[in-house]
């Protein structure tokens, strides 16, 4: 029913770049992984209550589509 499509080791350099880019927001590893996944699976929005996803960008410039409860 659920299949993980993310390998931490193969995405390490991208995660490190994202961590540096968003250091002022102190993203956790889960946030960084979701940004990477949104770059890979562009057709799916992120379901979150984390407002930082309104600021995070995939491929540095593109807004990440998000679904936030109570909006």
PDB file of N, CA and C in Angstrom:
ATOM      1  N   UNK A   1       0.805  -1.184   0.000  1.00  0.00           N
ATOM      2  CA  UNK A   1       0.000   0.000   0.000  1.00  0.00           C
ATOM      3  C   UNK A   1       0.858   1.262   0.000  1.00  0.00           C
ATOM      4  N   UNK A   2       1.997   1.221   0.644  1.00  0.00           N
ATOM      5  CA  UNK A   2       2.894   2.364   0.714  1.00  0.00           C
ATOM      6  C   UNK A   2       4.284   1.929   0.309  1.00  0.00           C
ATOM      7  N   UNK A   3       4.888   2.672  -0.583  1.00  0.00           N
ATOM      8  CA  UNK A   3       6.242   2.342  -1.034  1.00  0.00           C
ATOM      9  C   UNK A   3       7.102   3.592  -0.890  1.00  0.00           C
ATOM     10  N   UNK A   4       8.229   3.464  -0.210  1.00  0.00           N
ATOM     11  CA  UNK A   4       9.139   4.591  -0.038  1.00  0.00           C
ATOM     12  C   UNK A   4       9.982   4.777  -1.290  1.00  0.00           C
ATOM     13  N   UNK A   5      10.011   5.994  -1.774  1.00  0.00           N
ATOM     14  CA  UNK A   5      10.742   6.304  -2.999  1.00  0.00           C
ATOM     15  C   UNK A   5      11.893   7.260  -2.741  1.00  0.00           C
ATOM     16  N   UNK A   6      12.490   7.170  -1.582  1.00  0.00           N
ATOM     17  CA  UNK A   6      13.539   8.115  -1.233  1.00  0.00           C
ATOM     18  C   UNK A   6      14.699   7.390  -0.590  1.00  0.00           C
ATOM     19  N   UNK A   7      15.882   7.628  -1.118  1.00  0.00           N
ATOM     20  CA  UNK A   7      17.094   7.033  -0.571  1.00  0.00           C
ATOM     21  C   UNK A   7      17.966   8.164  -0.033  1.00  0.00           C
ATOM     22  N   UNK A   8      18.177   8.180   1.256  1.00  0.00           N
ATOM     23  CA  UNK A   8      18.918   9.248   1.903  1.00  0.00           C
ATOM     24  C   UNK A   8      20.337   9.374   1.350  1.00  0.00           C
ATOM     25  N   UNK A   9      21.017   8.267   1.183  1.00  0.00           N
ATOM     26  CA  UNK A   9      22.407   8.316   0.716  1.00  0.00           C
ATOM     27  C   UNK A   9      22.538   8.913  -0.681  1.00  0.00           C
ATOM     28  N   UNK A  10      21.669   8.546  -1.583  1.00  0.00           N
ATOM     29  CA  UNK A  10      21.790   9.055  -2.947  1.00  0.00           C
ATOM     30  C   UNK A  10      21.343  10.511  -3.074  1.00  0.00           C
ATOM     31  N   UNK A  11      20.661  11.033  -2.070  1.00  0.00           N
ATOM     32  CA  UNK A  11      20.199  12.421  -2.086  1.00  0.00           C
ATOM     33  C   UNK A  11      20.966  13.314  -1.109  1.00  0.00           C
ATOM     34  N   UNK A  12      21.999  12.785  -0.533  1.00  0.00           N
ATOM     35  CA  UNK A  12      22.733  13.511   0.513  1.00  0.00           C
ATOM     36  C   UNK A  12      23.228  14.882   0.065  1.00  0.00           C
ATOM     37  N   UNK A  13      23.826  14.980  -1.094  1.00  0.00           N
ATOM     38  CA  UNK A  13      24.365  16.274  -1.532  1.00  0.00           C
ATOM     39  C   UNK A  13      23.248  17.304  -1.745  1.00  0.00           C
ATOM     40  N   UNK A  14      22.127  16.875  -2.288  1.00  0.00           N
ATOM     41  CA  UNK A  14      20.998  17.781  -2.485  1.00  0.00           C
ATOM     42  C   UNK A  14      20.445  18.237  -1.131  1.00  0.00           C
ATOM     43  N   UNK A  15      20.338  17.321  -0.196  1.00  0.00           N
ATOM     44  CA  UNK A  15      19.857  17.661   1.139  1.00  0.00           C
ATOM     45  C   UNK A  15      20.789  18.669   1.819  1.00  0.00           C
ATOM     46  N   UNK A  16      22.080  18.482   1.651  1.00  0.00           N
ATOM     47  CA  UNK A  16      23.048  19.413   2.241  1.00  0.00           C
ATOM     48  C   UNK A  16      22.909  20.805   1.633  1.00  0.00           C
ATOM     49  N   UNK A  17      22.714  20.880   0.324  1.00  0.00           N
ATOM     50  CA  UNK A  17      22.530  22.188  -0.331  1.00  0.00           C
ATOM     51  C   UNK A  17      21.257  22.869   0.163  1.00  0.00           C
ATOM     52  N   UNK A  18      20.192  22.097   0.275  1.00  0.00           N
ATOM     53  CA  UNK A  18      18.938  22.660   0.772  1.00  0.00           C
ATOM     54  C   UNK A  18      19.069  23.119   2.227  1.00  0.00           C
ATOM     55  N   UNK A  19      19.775  22.344   3.039  1.00  0.00           N
ATOM     56  CA  UNK A  19      19.974  22.717   4.445  1.00  0.00           C
ATOM     57  C   UNK A  19      20.722  24.045   4.548  1.00  0.00           C
ATOM     58  N   UNK A  20      21.700  24.249   3.706  1.00  0.00           N
ATOM     59  CA  UNK A  20      22.437  25.519   3.705  1.00  0.00           C
ATOM     60  C   UNK A  20      21.559  26.656   3.219  1.00  0.00           C
ATOM     61  N   UNK A  21      20.811  26.415   2.172  1.00  0.00           N
ATOM     62  CA  UNK A  21      19.950  27.455   1.598  1.00  0.00           C
ATOM     63  C   UNK A  21      18.900  27.949   2.604  1.00  0.00           C
ATOM     64  N   UNK A  22      18.312  27.031   3.358  1.00  0.00           N
ATOM     65  CA  UNK A  22      17.243  27.376   4.278  1.00  0.00           C
ATOM     66  C   UNK A  22      17.687  27.342   5.740  1.00  0.00           C
ATOM     67  N   UNK A  23      18.951  27.516   6.006  1.00  0.00           N
ATOM     68  CA  UNK A  23      19.490  27.430   7.366  1.00  0.00           C
ATOM     69  C   UNK A  23      18.794  28.379   8.328  1.00  0.00           C
ATOM     70  N   UNK A  24      18.407  29.549   7.876  1.00  0.00           N
ATOM     71  CA  UNK A  24      17.743  30.523   8.747  1.00  0.00           C
ATOM     72  C   UNK A  24      16.393  30.010   9.249  1.00  0.00           C
ATOM     73  N   UNK A  25      15.775  29.099   8.534  1.00  0.00           N
ATOM     74  CA  UNK A  25      14.483  28.526   8.936  1.00  0.00           C
ATOM     75  C   UNK A  25      14.643  27.236   9.742  1.00  0.00           C
ATOM     76  N   UNK A  26      15.860  26.757   9.863  1.00  0.00           N
ATOM     77  CA  UNK A  26      16.159  25.523  10.609  1.00  0.00           C
ATOM     78  C   UNK A  26      15.275  24.352  10.191  1.00  0.00           C
ATOM     79  N   UNK A  27      15.286  23.997   8.899  1.00  0.00           N
ATOM     80  CA  UNK A  27      14.446  22.874   8.462  1.00  0.00           C
ATOM     81  C   UNK A  27      14.950  21.555   9.047  1.00  0.00           C
ATOM     82  N   UNK A  28      14.022  20.682   9.364  1.00  0.00           N
ATOM     83  CA  UNK A  28      14.455  19.365   9.823  1.00  0.00           C
ATOM     84  C   UNK A  28      14.642  18.452   8.606  1.00  0.00           C
ATOM     85  N   UNK A  29      15.177  17.293   8.859  1.00  0.00           N
ATOM     86  CA  UNK A  29      15.472  16.360   7.768  1.00  0.00           C
ATOM     87  C   UNK A  29      14.214  15.996   6.991  1.00  0.00           C
ATOM     88  N   UNK A  30      13.105  15.838   7.682  1.00  0.00           N
ATOM     89  CA  UNK A  30      11.851  15.487   7.002  1.00  0.00           C
ATOM     90  C   UNK A  30      11.449  16.569   6.001  1.00  0.00           C
ATOM     91  N   UNK A  31      11.572  17.842   6.394  1.00  0.00           N
ATOM     92  CA  UNK A  31      11.250  18.942   5.469  1.00  0.00           C
ATOM     93  C   UNK A  31      12.132  18.884   4.233  1.00  0.00           C
ATOM     94  N   UNK A  32      13.415  18.686   4.438  1.00  0.00           N
ATOM     95  CA  UNK A  32      14.359  18.640   3.318  1.00  0.00           C
ATOM     96  C   UNK A  32      14.044  17.470   2.386  1.00  0.00           C
ATOM     97  N   UNK A  33      13.698  16.340   2.962  1.00  0.00           N
ATOM     98  CA  UNK A  33      13.339  15.174   2.152  1.00  0.00           C
ATOM     99  C   UNK A  33      12.075  15.440   1.340  1.00  0.00           C
ATOM    100  N   UNK A  34      11.108  16.120   1.933  1.00  0.00           N
ATOM    101  CA  UNK A  34       9.881  16.439   1.205  1.00  0.00           C
ATOM    102  C   UNK A  34      10.137  17.406   0.051  1.00  0.00           C
ATOM    103  N   UNK A  35      11.041  18.347   0.254  1.00  0.00           N
ATOM    104  CA  UNK A  35      11.403  19.245  -0.853  1.00  0.00           C
ATOM    105  C   UNK A  35      11.994  18.428  -1.995  1.00  0.00           C
ATOM    106  N   UNK A  36      12.905  17.531  -1.677  1.00  0.00           N
ATOM    107  CA  UNK A  36      13.501  16.667  -2.707  1.00  0.00           C
ATOM    108  C   UNK A  36      12.446  15.820  -3.401  1.00  0.00           C
ATOM    109  N   UNK A  37      11.539  15.250  -2.640  1.00  0.00           N
ATOM    110  CA  UNK A  37      10.490  14.434  -3.235  1.00  0.00           C
ATOM    111  C   UNK A  37       9.580  15.262  -4.137  1.00  0.00           C
ATOM    112  N   UNK A  38       9.335  16.517  -3.753  1.00  0.00           N
ATOM    113  CA  UNK A  38       8.485  17.359  -4.600  1.00  0.00           C
ATOM    114  C   UNK A  38       9.168  17.683  -5.921  1.00  0.00           C
ATOM    115  N   UNK A  39      10.494  17.697  -5.926  1.00  0.00           N
ATOM    116  CA  UNK A  39      11.220  17.903  -7.180  1.00  0.00           C
ATOM    117  C   UNK A  39      11.099  16.683  -8.089  1.00  0.00           C
ATOM    118  N   UNK A  40      11.053  15.542  -7.468  1.00  0.00           N
ATOM    119  CA  UNK A  40      10.988  14.289  -8.235  1.00  0.00           C
ATOM    120  C   UNK A  40       9.563  13.955  -8.689  1.00  0.00           C
ATOM    121  N   UNK A  41       8.597  14.210  -7.820  1.00  0.00           N
ATOM    122  CA  UNK A  41       7.195  13.889  -8.106  1.00  0.00           C
ATOM    123  C   UNK A  41       6.394  15.185  -8.181  1.00  0.00           C
ATOM    124  N   UNK A  42       6.591  15.916  -9.236  1.00  0.00           N
ATOM    125  CA  UNK A  42       6.032  17.251  -9.405  1.00  0.00           C
ATOM    126  C   UNK A  42       4.508  17.300  -9.392  1.00  0.00           C
ATOM    127  N   UNK A  43       3.870  16.212  -9.757  1.00  0.00           N
ATOM    128  CA  UNK A  43       2.415  16.220  -9.889  1.00  0.00           C
ATOM    129  C   UNK A  43       1.679  16.111  -8.549  1.00  0.00           C
ATOM    130  N   UNK A  44       2.405  15.830  -7.473  1.00  0.00           N
ATOM    131  CA  UNK A  44       1.767  15.639  -6.169  1.00  0.00           C
ATOM    132  C   UNK A  44       2.041  16.812  -5.233  1.00  0.00           C
ATOM    133  N   UNK A  45       0.995  17.355  -4.600  1.00  0.00           N
ATOM    134  CA  UNK A  45       1.220  18.411  -3.604  1.00  0.00           C
ATOM    135  C   UNK A  45       1.686  17.809  -2.279  1.00  0.00           C
ATOM    136  N   UNK A  46       2.224  18.661  -1.435  1.00  0.00           N
ATOM    137  CA  UNK A  46       2.631  18.265  -0.089  1.00  0.00           C
ATOM    138  C   UNK A  46       1.471  18.585   0.853  1.00  0.00           C
ATOM    139  N   UNK A  47       1.066  17.634   1.657  1.00  0.00           N
ATOM    140  CA  UNK A  47       0.047  17.842   2.680  1.00  0.00           C
ATOM    141  C   UNK A  47       0.779  18.155   3.983  1.00  0.00           C
ATOM    142  N   UNK A  48       0.583  19.367   4.505  1.00  0.00           N
ATOM    143  CA  UNK A  48       1.349  19.792   5.671  1.00  0.00           C
ATOM    144  C   UNK A  48       0.612  20.867   6.448  1.00  0.00           C
ATOM    145  N   UNK A  49       1.006  21.054   7.684  1.00  0.00           N
ATOM    146  CA  UNK A  49       0.558  22.187   8.485  1.00  0.00           C
ATOM    147  C   UNK A  49       1.723  23.149   8.718  1.00  0.00           C
ATOM    148  N   UNK A  50       2.871  22.857   8.115  1.00  0.00           N
ATOM    149  CA  UNK A  50       4.094  23.641   8.263  1.00  0.00           C
ATOM    150  C   UNK A  50       4.096  24.809   7.279  1.00  0.00           C
ATOM    151  N   UNK A  51       3.942  26.004   7.787  1.00  0.00           N
ATOM    152  CA  UNK A  51       3.904  27.203   6.946  1.00  0.00           C
ATOM    153  C   UNK A  51       5.185  27.474   6.185  1.00  0.00           C
ATOM    154  N   UNK A  52       6.296  26.863   6.600  1.00  0.00           N
ATOM    155  CA  UNK A  52       7.558  27.053   5.876  1.00  0.00           C
ATOM    156  C   UNK A  52       7.465  26.561   4.436  1.00  0.00           C
ATOM    157  N   UNK A  53       6.534  25.654   4.177  1.00  0.00           N
ATOM    158  CA  UNK A  53       6.404  25.156   2.804  1.00  0.00           C
ATOM    159  C   UNK A  53       5.836  26.207   1.857  1.00  0.00           C
ATOM    160  N   UNK A  54       5.374  27.326   2.391  1.00  0.00           N
ATOM    161  CA  UNK A  54       5.000  28.462   1.545  1.00  0.00           C
ATOM    162  C   UNK A  54       6.244  29.223   1.091  1.00  0.00           C
ATOM    163  N   UNK A  55       7.364  29.021   1.799  1.00  0.00           N
ATOM    164  CA  UNK A  55       8.628  29.701   1.499  1.00  0.00           C
ATOM    165  C   UNK A  55       9.578  28.795   0.711  1.00  0.00           C
ATOM    166  N   UNK A  56       9.612  27.519   1.064  1.00  0.00           N
ATOM    167  CA  UNK A  56      10.511  26.581   0.390  1.00  0.00           C
ATOM    168  C   UNK A  56      10.215  26.542  -1.104  1.00  0.00           C
ATOM    169  N   UNK A  57      11.245  26.338  -1.898  1.00  0.00           N
ATOM    170  CA  UNK A  57      11.115  26.266  -3.351  1.00  0.00           C
ATOM    171  C   UNK A  57      11.797  24.999  -3.851  1.00  0.00           C
ATOM    172  N   UNK A  58      11.184  24.396  -4.856  1.00  0.00           N
ATOM    173  CA  UNK A  58      11.850  23.264  -5.503  1.00  0.00           C
ATOM    174  C   UNK A  58      12.610  23.812  -6.702  1.00  0.00           C
ATOM    175  N   UNK A  59      13.738  23.235  -6.958  1.00  0.00           N
ATOM    176  CA  UNK A  59      14.626  23.700  -8.028  1.00  0.00           C
ATOM    177  C   UNK A  59      14.923  25.195  -7.875  1.00  0.00           C
ATOM    178  N   UNK A  60      15.000  25.650  -6.650  1.00  0.00           N
ATOM    179  CA  UNK A  60      15.394  26.995  -6.228  1.00  0.00           C
ATOM    180  C   UNK A  60      14.377  28.095  -6.498  1.00  0.00           C
ATOM    181  N   UNK A  61      13.494  27.959  -7.468  1.00  0.00           N
ATOM    182  CA  UNK A  61      12.593  29.058  -7.816  1.00  0.00           C
ATOM    183  C   UNK A  61      11.112  28.704  -7.842  1.00  0.00           C
ATOM    184  N   UNK A  62      10.802  27.454  -7.968  1.00  0.00           N
ATOM    185  CA  UNK A  62       9.421  27.039  -8.188  1.00  0.00           C
ATOM    186  C   UNK A  62       8.694  26.756  -6.869  1.00  0.00           C
ATOM    187  N   UNK A  63       7.559  27.406  -6.685  1.00  0.00           N
ATOM    188  CA  UNK A  63       6.762  27.160  -5.480  1.00  0.00           C
ATOM    189  C   UNK A  63       6.331  25.696  -5.437  1.00  0.00           C
ATOM    190  N   UNK A  64       6.315  25.162  -4.238  1.00  0.00           N
ATOM    191  CA  UNK A  64       5.882  23.781  -4.032  1.00  0.00           C
ATOM    192  C   UNK A  64       4.373  23.802  -3.776  1.00  0.00           C
ATOM    193  N   UNK A  65       3.601  23.045  -4.546  1.00  0.00           N
ATOM    194  CA  UNK A  65       2.164  23.014  -4.275  1.00  0.00           C
ATOM    195  C   UNK A  65       1.902  22.320  -2.936  1.00  0.00           C
ATOM    196  N   UNK A  66       1.115  22.975  -2.097  1.00  0.00           N
ATOM    197  CA  UNK A  66       0.819  22.425  -0.774  1.00  0.00           C
ATOM    198  C   UNK A  66      -0.685  22.403  -0.532  1.00  0.00           C
ATOM    199  N   UNK A  67      -1.089  21.466   0.270  1.00  0.00           N
ATOM    200  CA  UNK A  67      -2.456  21.402   0.802  1.00  0.00           C
ATOM    201  C   UNK A  67      -2.310  21.568   2.297  1.00  0.00           C
ATOM    202  N   UNK A  68      -2.967  22.595   2.836  1.00  0.00           N
ATOM    203  CA  UNK A  68      -2.909  22.844   4.266  1.00  0.00           C
ATOM    204  C   UNK A  68      -4.315  22.792   4.840  1.00  0.00           C
ATOM    205  N   UNK A  69      -4.525  21.970   5.876  1.00  0.00           N
ATOM    206  CA  UNK A  69      -5.839  21.937   6.510  1.00  0.00           C
ATOM    207  C   UNK A  69      -6.231  23.337   7.007  1.00  0.00           C
ATOM    208  N   UNK A  70      -7.520  23.577   7.039  1.00  0.00           N
ATOM    209  CA  UNK A  70      -8.068  24.862   7.495  1.00  0.00           C
ATOM    210  C   UNK A  70      -7.774  26.016   6.573  1.00  0.00           C
ATOM    211  N   UNK A  71      -7.530  25.739   5.324  1.00  0.00           N
ATOM    212  CA  UNK A  71      -7.348  26.821   4.345  1.00  0.00           C
ATOM    213  C   UNK A  71      -8.450  26.784   3.338  1.00  0.00           C
TER     214      UNK A  71
END
